[in-house]
Amino acid sequence: MTTRLPHLAPGRHPTPAHGRCLLELVSQLADEVWSDRPAAVHPVLAAVARCVNDRTTPHGRQALLPLAVPLLHTANAPAHAIVDHCLRTAGLKKRWWTGIFPTMAVARAVRRLNTDEALRRLLTECVHLSRKDPTWAE
């Protein structure tokens, strides 16, 4: 029996037949409505995942597949820790607006990273941060 792995693609897709990004795969795994904004993933962590998915090469994107399951049930992730980590990794300073617009801050940080390895590592570290204290709630 052959098992086919899903093929990840950049961007948003109207249906699975049109392709899927990492978060659309997560929405399927969580048995949610098809979306690149699954409720099972904290919005800031989801922003990191969307940006990383869209910035990686096709080969690098397939290396993100193992992160789909760990992204599940991270809705209570510590957003401030994720933002701080992304900014630090990208060599950016925290600005007054990063607490108000955290998804913009992480998108800006992700755009500073240029290799598949750096992007995958950032997302892996953010997922790890989100799982450090599962009782965290913001």
Protein backbone atom coordinates (compact mmCIF):
# COMPACT_ATOMS: atom_id res chain seq x y z
CA MET A 1 0.00 0.00 0.00
CA THR A 2 1.38 3.38 -1.01
CA THR A 3 0.70 6.48 1.04
CA ARG A 4 0.83 9.80 -0.75
CA LEU A 5 2.02 12.81 1.18
CA PRO A 6 0.16 16.05 0.53
CA HIS A 7 1.94 18.55 -1.68
CA LEU A 8 2.17 22.00 -0.08
CA ALA A 9 1.83 25.11 -2.21
CA PRO A 10 2.16 28.84 -1.50
CA GLY A 11 -0.86 31.07 -0.98
CA ARG A 12 -4.49 30.45 -0.14
CA HIS A 13 -6.54 27.85 -2.01
CA PRO A 14 -10.34 27.79 -2.41
CA THR A 15 -10.54 23.98 -2.11
CA PRO A 16 -8.19 21.05 -1.52
CA ALA A 17 -8.41 20.27 -5.23
CA HIS A 18 -6.62 23.58 -5.91
CA GLY A 19 -3.73 22.75 -3.57
CA ARG A 20 -3.03 23.42 0.08
CA CYS A 21 -0.71 25.42 2.26
CA LEU A 22 0.59 24.17 5.60
CA LEU A 23 -2.25 25.77 7.58
CA GLU A 24 -4.94 24.52 5.22
CA LEU A 25 -3.55 21.05 5.89
CA VAL A 26 -3.73 21.77 9.63
CA SER A 27 -7.39 22.84 9.27
CA GLN A 28 -8.09 19.47 7.65
CA LEU A 29 -6.25 17.57 10.38
CA ALA A 30 -8.20 19.51 13.03
CA ASP A 31 -11.45 18.62 11.23
CA GLU A 32 -12.23 22.32 10.82
CA VAL A 33 -13.66 24.26 7.92
CA TRP A 34 -11.10 24.59 5.09
CA SER A 35 -9.05 27.66 5.92
CA ASP A 36 -5.52 29.01 6.24
CA ARG A 37 -6.59 30.43 9.62
CA PRO A 38 -7.50 27.35 11.66
CA ALA A 39 -8.91 27.97 15.14
CA ALA A 40 -6.60 25.24 16.47
CA VAL A 41 -3.55 27.51 15.90
CA HIS A 42 -2.86 30.83 17.64
CA PRO A 43 -3.20 33.70 15.11
CA VAL A 44 0.39 34.89 15.67
CA LEU A 45 1.82 31.40 15.24
CA ALA A 46 -0.42 30.98 12.19
CA ALA A 47 1.03 34.21 10.73
CA VAL A 48 4.54 32.79 11.13
CA ALA A 49 3.47 29.52 9.49
CA ARG A 50 1.76 31.28 6.54
CA CYS A 51 4.76 33.53 5.91
CA VAL A 52 7.24 30.66 6.16
CA ASN A 53 5.09 28.51 3.86
CA ASP A 54 4.92 31.27 1.26
CA ARG A 55 8.64 32.22 1.40
CA THR A 56 10.16 28.76 1.11
CA THR A 57 11.04 27.01 -2.13
CA PRO A 58 8.85 24.11 -3.32
CA HIS A 59 11.39 21.62 -1.95
CA GLY A 60 11.70 23.51 1.35
CA ARG A 61 7.92 23.68 1.67
CA GLN A 62 7.68 19.88 1.65
CA ALA A 63 10.11 19.84 4.61
CA LEU A 64 7.42 21.71 6.58
CA LEU A 65 5.02 18.74 6.47
CA PRO A 66 6.23 17.26 9.80
CA LEU A 67 5.18 20.50 11.53
CA ALA A 68 1.49 20.10 10.61
CA VAL A 69 0.61 17.88 13.58
CA PRO A 70 2.64 19.86 16.17
CA LEU A 71 0.82 23.03 15.04
CA LEU A 72 -2.47 21.49 16.20
CA HIS A 73 -3.83 22.66 19.55
CA THR A 74 -1.56 25.71 19.85
CA ALA A 75 -4.40 28.22 20.15
CA ASN A 76 -3.18 29.26 23.61
CA ALA A 77 0.41 29.89 22.54
CA PRO A 78 2.28 32.78 24.21
CA ALA A 79 2.07 35.35 21.42
CA HIS A 80 4.54 37.77 22.99
CA ALA A 81 7.21 35.05 23.22
CA ILE A 82 6.69 34.13 19.56
CA VAL A 83 6.92 37.77 18.44
CA ASP A 84 10.04 38.36 20.54
CA HIS A 85 11.71 35.22 19.20
CA CYS A 86 10.93 36.10 15.56
CA LEU A 87 12.27 39.63 15.95
CA ARG A 88 15.41 38.43 17.75
CA THR A 89 16.07 35.74 15.12
CA ALA A 90 15.72 38.29 12.31
CA GLY A 91 17.94 40.81 14.09
CA LEU A 92 15.12 43.32 14.49
CA LYS A 93 14.38 45.51 17.49
CA LYS A 94 11.04 45.47 19.21
CA ARG A 95 9.04 48.59 18.29
CA TRP A 96 6.15 50.29 20.03
CA TRP A 97 3.69 48.81 17.54
CA THR A 98 4.76 45.15 17.78
CA GLY A 99 2.41 44.50 20.70
CA ILE A 100 -0.49 46.11 18.84
CA PHE A 101 0.21 44.46 15.46
CA PRO A 102 1.97 41.19 16.31
CA THR A 103 1.16 39.46 13.01
CA MET A 104 2.73 42.36 11.09
CA ALA A 105 5.81 42.12 13.32
CA VAL A 106 6.32 38.41 12.65
CA ALA A 107 5.70 38.86 8.92
CA ARG A 108 8.37 41.55 8.85
CA ALA A 109 10.77 39.26 10.70
CA VAL A 110 10.13 36.29 8.42
CA ARG A 111 10.80 38.44 5.34
CA ARG A 112 14.35 38.99 6.66
CA LEU A 113 15.17 35.28 6.48
CA ASN A 114 16.32 34.00 3.11
CA THR A 115 17.00 30.27 3.28
CA ASP A 116 14.65 27.33 3.59
CA GLU A 117 16.66 26.07 6.56
CA ALA A 118 16.40 29.38 8.45
CA LEU A 119 12.67 29.61 7.74
CA ARG A 120 11.96 26.01 8.79
CA ARG A 121 14.08 26.42 11.93
CA LEU A 122 12.20 29.60 12.90
CA LEU A 123 8.81 27.90 12.55
CA THR A 124 10.04 24.83 14.43
CA GLU A 125 11.29 27.01 17.28
CA CYS A 126 8.02 28.96 17.39
CA VAL A 127 6.03 25.72 17.57
CA HIS A 128 8.32 24.57 20.38
CA LEU A 129 7.73 27.86 22.23
CA SER A 130 3.98 27.40 21.86
CA ARG A 131 4.17 23.96 23.46
CA LYS A 132 6.49 24.88 26.38
CA ASP A 133 3.64 25.79 28.69
CA PRO A 134 0.35 24.33 27.44
CA THR A 135 -1.57 26.05 30.24
CA TRP A 136 -0.58 29.51 28.99
CA ALA A 137 -3.54 31.66 28.04
CA GLU A 138 -3.50 35.25 26.82
